N, C-alpha and C. Protein backbone atom coordinates (compact mmCIF):
# COMPACT_ATOMS: atom_id res chain seq x y z
N MET A 1 0.84 -1.18 0.00
CA MET A 1 0.00 0.00 0.00
C MET A 1 0.88 1.24 0.00
N THR A 2 0.58 2.17 -0.86
CA THR A 2 1.34 3.41 -0.96
C THR A 2 1.04 4.29 0.24
N LYS A 3 2.07 4.92 0.77
CA LYS A 3 1.90 5.86 1.88
C LYS A 3 1.96 7.27 1.33
N TYR A 4 1.13 8.12 1.86
CA TYR A 4 1.06 9.50 1.41
C TYR A 4 1.43 10.43 2.55
N ASP A 5 2.18 11.48 2.25
CA ASP A 5 2.58 12.39 3.32
C ASP A 5 1.42 13.32 3.68
N PRO A 6 1.44 13.85 4.92
CA PRO A 6 0.34 14.70 5.39
C PRO A 6 0.09 15.93 4.52
N ALA A 7 1.12 16.51 3.92
CA ALA A 7 0.94 17.69 3.08
C ALA A 7 0.11 17.35 1.84
N PHE A 8 0.37 16.20 1.24
CA PHE A 8 -0.40 15.75 0.09
C PHE A 8 -1.86 15.50 0.48
N LYS A 9 -2.05 14.82 1.61
CA LYS A 9 -3.40 14.54 2.09
C LYS A 9 -4.16 15.84 2.34
N LEU A 10 -3.50 16.80 3.00
CA LEU A 10 -4.14 18.07 3.32
C LEU A 10 -4.54 18.82 2.06
N LYS A 11 -3.67 18.81 1.07
CA LYS A 11 -3.97 19.48 -0.20
C LYS A 11 -5.25 18.93 -0.82
N LEU A 12 -5.38 17.61 -0.84
CA LEU A 12 -6.56 16.98 -1.43
C LEU A 12 -7.80 17.20 -0.58
N VAL A 13 -7.64 17.11 0.73
CA VAL A 13 -8.77 17.34 1.64
C VAL A 13 -9.31 18.75 1.46
N LYS A 14 -8.41 19.72 1.37
CA LYS A 14 -8.85 21.11 1.21
C LYS A 14 -9.59 21.32 -0.11
N GLN A 15 -9.16 20.62 -1.15
CA GLN A 15 -9.88 20.71 -2.42
C GLN A 15 -11.32 20.21 -2.26
N CYS A 16 -11.46 19.11 -1.52
CA CYS A 16 -12.81 18.56 -1.30
C CYS A 16 -13.65 19.50 -0.44
N LEU A 17 -13.05 20.04 0.60
CA LEU A 17 -13.79 20.94 1.49
C LEU A 17 -14.14 22.25 0.80
N ALA A 18 -13.39 22.59 -0.24
CA ALA A 18 -13.67 23.81 -1.01
C ALA A 18 -14.78 23.60 -2.05
N GLY A 19 -15.25 22.36 -2.16
CA GLY A 19 -16.38 22.10 -3.05
C GLY A 19 -16.12 21.15 -4.19
N SER A 20 -14.88 20.76 -4.41
CA SER A 20 -14.60 19.78 -5.47
C SER A 20 -15.13 18.42 -5.05
N SER A 21 -15.57 17.63 -6.00
CA SER A 21 -16.09 16.31 -5.66
C SER A 21 -14.96 15.40 -5.21
N THR A 22 -15.26 14.59 -4.21
CA THR A 22 -14.27 13.64 -3.70
C THR A 22 -13.83 12.70 -4.80
N ASN A 23 -14.78 12.22 -5.57
CA ASN A 23 -14.44 11.29 -6.65
C ASN A 23 -13.55 11.95 -7.69
N GLY A 24 -13.87 13.18 -8.07
CA GLY A 24 -13.07 13.90 -9.06
C GLY A 24 -11.64 14.15 -8.59
N VAL A 25 -11.50 14.57 -7.34
CA VAL A 25 -10.16 14.82 -6.78
C VAL A 25 -9.38 13.51 -6.71
N ALA A 26 -10.05 12.44 -6.30
CA ALA A 26 -9.39 11.14 -6.19
C ALA A 26 -8.89 10.66 -7.55
N VAL A 27 -9.75 10.71 -8.55
CA VAL A 27 -9.37 10.26 -9.90
C VAL A 27 -8.22 11.09 -10.43
N LYS A 28 -8.31 12.40 -10.28
CA LYS A 28 -7.27 13.30 -10.78
C LYS A 28 -5.90 13.01 -10.16
N ASN A 29 -5.91 12.52 -8.91
CA ASN A 29 -4.66 12.28 -8.20
C ASN A 29 -4.29 10.81 -8.09
N GLY A 30 -5.06 9.95 -8.74
CA GLY A 30 -4.72 8.54 -8.81
C GLY A 30 -4.85 7.78 -7.50
N ILE A 31 -5.83 8.16 -6.68
CA ILE A 31 -6.06 7.42 -5.44
C ILE A 31 -7.52 6.98 -5.39
N GLY A 32 -7.81 6.04 -4.52
CA GLY A 32 -9.18 5.58 -4.36
C GLY A 32 -10.03 6.62 -3.65
N HIS A 33 -11.28 6.76 -4.10
CA HIS A 33 -12.14 7.77 -3.48
C HIS A 33 -12.47 7.44 -2.03
N SER A 34 -12.52 6.16 -1.68
CA SER A 34 -12.82 5.80 -0.28
C SER A 34 -11.68 6.23 0.65
N ILE A 35 -10.45 6.17 0.16
CA ILE A 35 -9.31 6.64 0.96
C ILE A 35 -9.44 8.13 1.19
N LEU A 36 -9.75 8.86 0.14
CA LEU A 36 -9.89 10.31 0.27
C LEU A 36 -11.05 10.67 1.19
N GLN A 37 -12.14 9.95 1.09
CA GLN A 37 -13.27 10.21 1.99
C GLN A 37 -12.86 9.99 3.45
N ARG A 38 -12.06 8.97 3.69
CA ARG A 38 -11.58 8.70 5.05
C ARG A 38 -10.69 9.83 5.54
N TRP A 39 -9.82 10.34 4.66
CA TRP A 39 -8.97 11.48 5.04
C TRP A 39 -9.80 12.70 5.39
N VAL A 40 -10.84 12.96 4.58
CA VAL A 40 -11.70 14.12 4.83
C VAL A 40 -12.39 13.99 6.19
N ARG A 41 -12.96 12.83 6.46
CA ARG A 41 -13.65 12.62 7.74
C ARG A 41 -12.67 12.70 8.91
N SER A 42 -11.49 12.14 8.73
CA SER A 42 -10.49 12.19 9.79
C SER A 42 -10.04 13.62 10.04
N TYR A 43 -9.87 14.39 8.99
CA TYR A 43 -9.49 15.80 9.13
C TYR A 43 -10.60 16.59 9.82
N GLN A 44 -11.84 16.33 9.45
CA GLN A 44 -12.95 17.03 10.08
C GLN A 44 -13.06 16.70 11.56
N GLN A 45 -12.74 15.47 11.92
CA GLN A 45 -12.84 15.03 13.32
C GLN A 45 -11.64 15.48 14.15
N HIS A 46 -10.44 15.41 13.58
CA HIS A 46 -9.21 15.59 14.37
C HIS A 46 -8.32 16.73 13.90
N GLY A 47 -8.65 17.36 12.79
CA GLY A 47 -7.79 18.41 12.26
C GLY A 47 -6.55 17.82 11.62
N LEU A 48 -5.50 18.62 11.52
CA LEU A 48 -4.27 18.17 10.87
C LEU A 48 -3.69 16.90 11.49
N PRO A 49 -3.73 16.72 12.83
CA PRO A 49 -3.22 15.46 13.38
C PRO A 49 -3.93 14.23 12.84
N GLY A 50 -5.15 14.40 12.36
CA GLY A 50 -5.88 13.28 11.78
C GLY A 50 -5.29 12.77 10.48
N LEU A 51 -4.41 13.56 9.87
CA LEU A 51 -3.77 13.15 8.62
C LEU A 51 -2.36 12.64 8.82
N ALA A 52 -1.84 12.77 10.03
CA ALA A 52 -0.46 12.38 10.31
C ALA A 52 -0.34 10.87 10.46
N LYS A 53 0.83 10.37 10.12
CA LYS A 53 1.12 8.96 10.29
C LYS A 53 1.27 8.67 11.78
N GLN A 54 0.66 7.60 12.23
CA GLN A 54 0.74 7.25 13.64
C GLN A 54 1.16 5.80 13.78
N TYR A 55 1.93 5.58 14.79
CA TYR A 55 2.27 4.23 15.18
C TYR A 55 1.71 4.06 16.58
N SER A 56 0.74 3.19 16.72
CA SER A 56 0.08 3.09 18.01
C SER A 56 -0.13 1.65 18.42
N ARG A 57 0.03 1.45 19.69
CA ARG A 57 -0.37 0.21 20.33
C ARG A 57 -1.46 0.59 21.30
N TYR A 58 -2.49 -0.19 21.34
CA TYR A 58 -3.63 0.13 22.18
C TYR A 58 -3.74 -0.92 23.28
N ASP A 59 -3.96 -0.46 24.51
CA ASP A 59 -4.10 -1.41 25.61
C ASP A 59 -5.51 -2.02 25.59
N ALA A 60 -5.67 -3.08 26.38
CA ALA A 60 -6.93 -3.82 26.38
C ALA A 60 -8.11 -2.94 26.80
N GLN A 61 -7.89 -2.06 27.76
CA GLN A 61 -8.98 -1.20 28.23
C GLN A 61 -9.45 -0.25 27.13
N PHE A 62 -8.51 0.29 26.37
CA PHE A 62 -8.87 1.17 25.26
C PHE A 62 -9.68 0.39 24.22
N LYS A 63 -9.20 -0.80 23.87
CA LYS A 63 -9.90 -1.62 22.89
C LYS A 63 -11.32 -1.93 23.36
N LEU A 64 -11.45 -2.27 24.64
CA LEU A 64 -12.76 -2.57 25.19
C LEU A 64 -13.68 -1.35 25.13
N SER A 65 -13.14 -0.18 25.44
CA SER A 65 -13.97 1.03 25.40
C SER A 65 -14.44 1.33 23.97
N VAL A 66 -13.59 1.06 22.99
CA VAL A 66 -13.99 1.23 21.59
C VAL A 66 -15.12 0.26 21.25
N LEU A 67 -14.96 -1.00 21.63
CA LEU A 67 -15.99 -2.00 21.33
C LEU A 67 -17.31 -1.68 22.03
N GLN A 68 -17.23 -1.18 23.26
CA GLN A 68 -18.44 -0.80 23.98
C GLN A 68 -19.14 0.38 23.31
N ARG A 69 -18.37 1.33 22.85
CA ARG A 69 -18.95 2.51 22.19
C ARG A 69 -19.61 2.11 20.87
N ILE A 70 -19.01 1.18 20.16
CA ILE A 70 -19.61 0.66 18.92
C ILE A 70 -20.96 0.04 19.23
N GLU A 71 -20.99 -0.78 20.25
CA GLU A 71 -22.24 -1.45 20.64
C GLU A 71 -23.28 -0.44 21.14
N GLN A 72 -22.85 0.47 21.98
CA GLN A 72 -23.75 1.45 22.60
C GLN A 72 -24.37 2.39 21.57
N ASP A 73 -23.54 2.90 20.66
CA ASP A 73 -24.01 3.92 19.72
C ASP A 73 -24.31 3.39 18.32
N GLY A 74 -24.11 2.08 18.12
CA GLY A 74 -24.39 1.50 16.81
C GLY A 74 -23.45 2.00 15.72
N LEU A 75 -22.19 2.25 16.09
CA LEU A 75 -21.21 2.76 15.14
C LEU A 75 -20.69 1.66 14.23
N SER A 76 -20.32 2.02 13.03
CA SER A 76 -19.60 1.09 12.17
C SER A 76 -18.13 1.09 12.61
N ASP A 77 -17.38 0.11 12.16
CA ASP A 77 -15.96 0.08 12.48
C ASP A 77 -15.27 1.33 11.95
N GLN A 78 -15.66 1.77 10.76
CA GLN A 78 -15.04 2.96 10.17
C GLN A 78 -15.37 4.20 10.99
N GLN A 79 -16.61 4.35 11.43
CA GLN A 79 -16.98 5.50 12.26
C GLN A 79 -16.20 5.50 13.56
N ALA A 80 -16.06 4.34 14.18
CA ALA A 80 -15.32 4.24 15.44
C ALA A 80 -13.84 4.56 15.21
N ALA A 81 -13.29 4.08 14.11
CA ALA A 81 -11.87 4.35 13.82
C ALA A 81 -11.64 5.85 13.70
N ILE A 82 -12.53 6.55 13.04
CA ILE A 82 -12.39 8.01 12.89
C ILE A 82 -12.58 8.70 14.23
N LEU A 83 -13.60 8.30 14.98
CA LEU A 83 -13.89 8.92 16.26
C LEU A 83 -12.74 8.78 17.25
N PHE A 84 -12.13 7.60 17.29
CA PHE A 84 -11.06 7.33 18.25
C PHE A 84 -9.66 7.55 17.68
N GLY A 85 -9.57 7.95 16.42
CA GLY A 85 -8.26 8.21 15.83
C GLY A 85 -7.46 6.95 15.56
N ILE A 86 -8.15 5.86 15.27
CA ILE A 86 -7.49 4.58 14.98
C ILE A 86 -7.27 4.52 13.48
N ARG A 87 -6.04 4.34 13.07
CA ARG A 87 -5.70 4.42 11.65
C ARG A 87 -6.25 3.27 10.84
N GLY A 88 -6.25 2.08 11.38
CA GLY A 88 -6.71 0.93 10.61
C GLY A 88 -8.02 0.40 11.14
N GLN A 89 -9.10 0.60 10.40
CA GLN A 89 -10.39 0.11 10.87
C GLN A 89 -10.40 -1.41 10.93
N ASN A 90 -9.50 -2.07 10.20
CA ASN A 90 -9.42 -3.53 10.26
C ASN A 90 -9.00 -4.01 11.64
N SER A 91 -8.28 -3.17 12.37
CA SER A 91 -7.88 -3.52 13.73
C SER A 91 -9.11 -3.77 14.59
N ILE A 92 -10.13 -2.97 14.40
CA ILE A 92 -11.33 -3.09 15.22
C ILE A 92 -12.02 -4.43 14.97
N GLY A 93 -12.07 -4.86 13.72
CA GLY A 93 -12.64 -6.17 13.41
C GLY A 93 -11.88 -7.29 14.11
N GLU A 94 -10.57 -7.15 14.14
CA GLU A 94 -9.75 -8.15 14.84
C GLU A 94 -10.03 -8.12 16.33
N TRP A 95 -10.15 -6.92 16.89
CA TRP A 95 -10.47 -6.80 18.32
C TRP A 95 -11.81 -7.48 18.64
N LYS A 96 -12.79 -7.31 17.76
CA LYS A 96 -14.10 -7.94 17.95
C LYS A 96 -13.95 -9.46 17.99
N ARG A 97 -13.20 -10.00 17.03
CA ARG A 97 -13.02 -11.45 16.98
C ARG A 97 -12.33 -11.96 18.24
N LEU A 98 -11.29 -11.25 18.65
CA LEU A 98 -10.56 -11.66 19.85
C LEU A 98 -11.45 -11.59 21.09
N TYR A 99 -12.20 -10.52 21.20
CA TYR A 99 -13.05 -10.33 22.38
C TYR A 99 -14.14 -11.40 22.45
N HIS A 100 -14.76 -11.71 21.32
CA HIS A 100 -15.82 -12.72 21.31
C HIS A 100 -15.25 -14.12 21.56
N ALA A 101 -14.01 -14.34 21.19
CA ALA A 101 -13.39 -15.65 21.40
C ALA A 101 -12.89 -15.83 22.82
N GLY A 102 -12.36 -14.75 23.44
CA GLY A 102 -11.73 -14.94 24.74
C GLY A 102 -11.94 -13.84 25.75
N GLY A 103 -12.85 -12.93 25.50
CA GLY A 103 -13.11 -11.85 26.45
C GLY A 103 -11.98 -10.84 26.50
N ILE A 104 -12.00 -10.02 27.55
CA ILE A 104 -11.02 -8.94 27.65
C ILE A 104 -9.59 -9.45 27.73
N ASN A 105 -9.40 -10.63 28.29
CA ASN A 105 -8.03 -11.18 28.38
C ASN A 105 -7.43 -11.47 27.02
N ALA A 106 -8.27 -11.68 26.02
CA ALA A 106 -7.77 -11.96 24.67
C ALA A 106 -7.33 -10.69 23.95
N LEU A 107 -7.79 -9.54 24.45
CA LEU A 107 -7.42 -8.28 23.82
C LEU A 107 -5.99 -7.92 24.17
């Protein structure tokens, strides 16, 4: 997977927020529109830090709080990832599988 620097992401996000279509900006720049949509939502939720590369390890309590919030508010994995600043929404799916298989100790 290609990595994009925050300046590039910000440039495209600003184009979208200025009224350009997400799909048009994505096609013009050779990226998937769903990636660009995720950047826009992350920027709207977290500002510039939402576009920065992060390396994170999450403790079991954090993972559990994310899973509880998903259940409580009916969030999708993608919505929860944006809300909590989790870069990979696939991580949440893995957390769900682990939790259902072995409870909090499996997280």
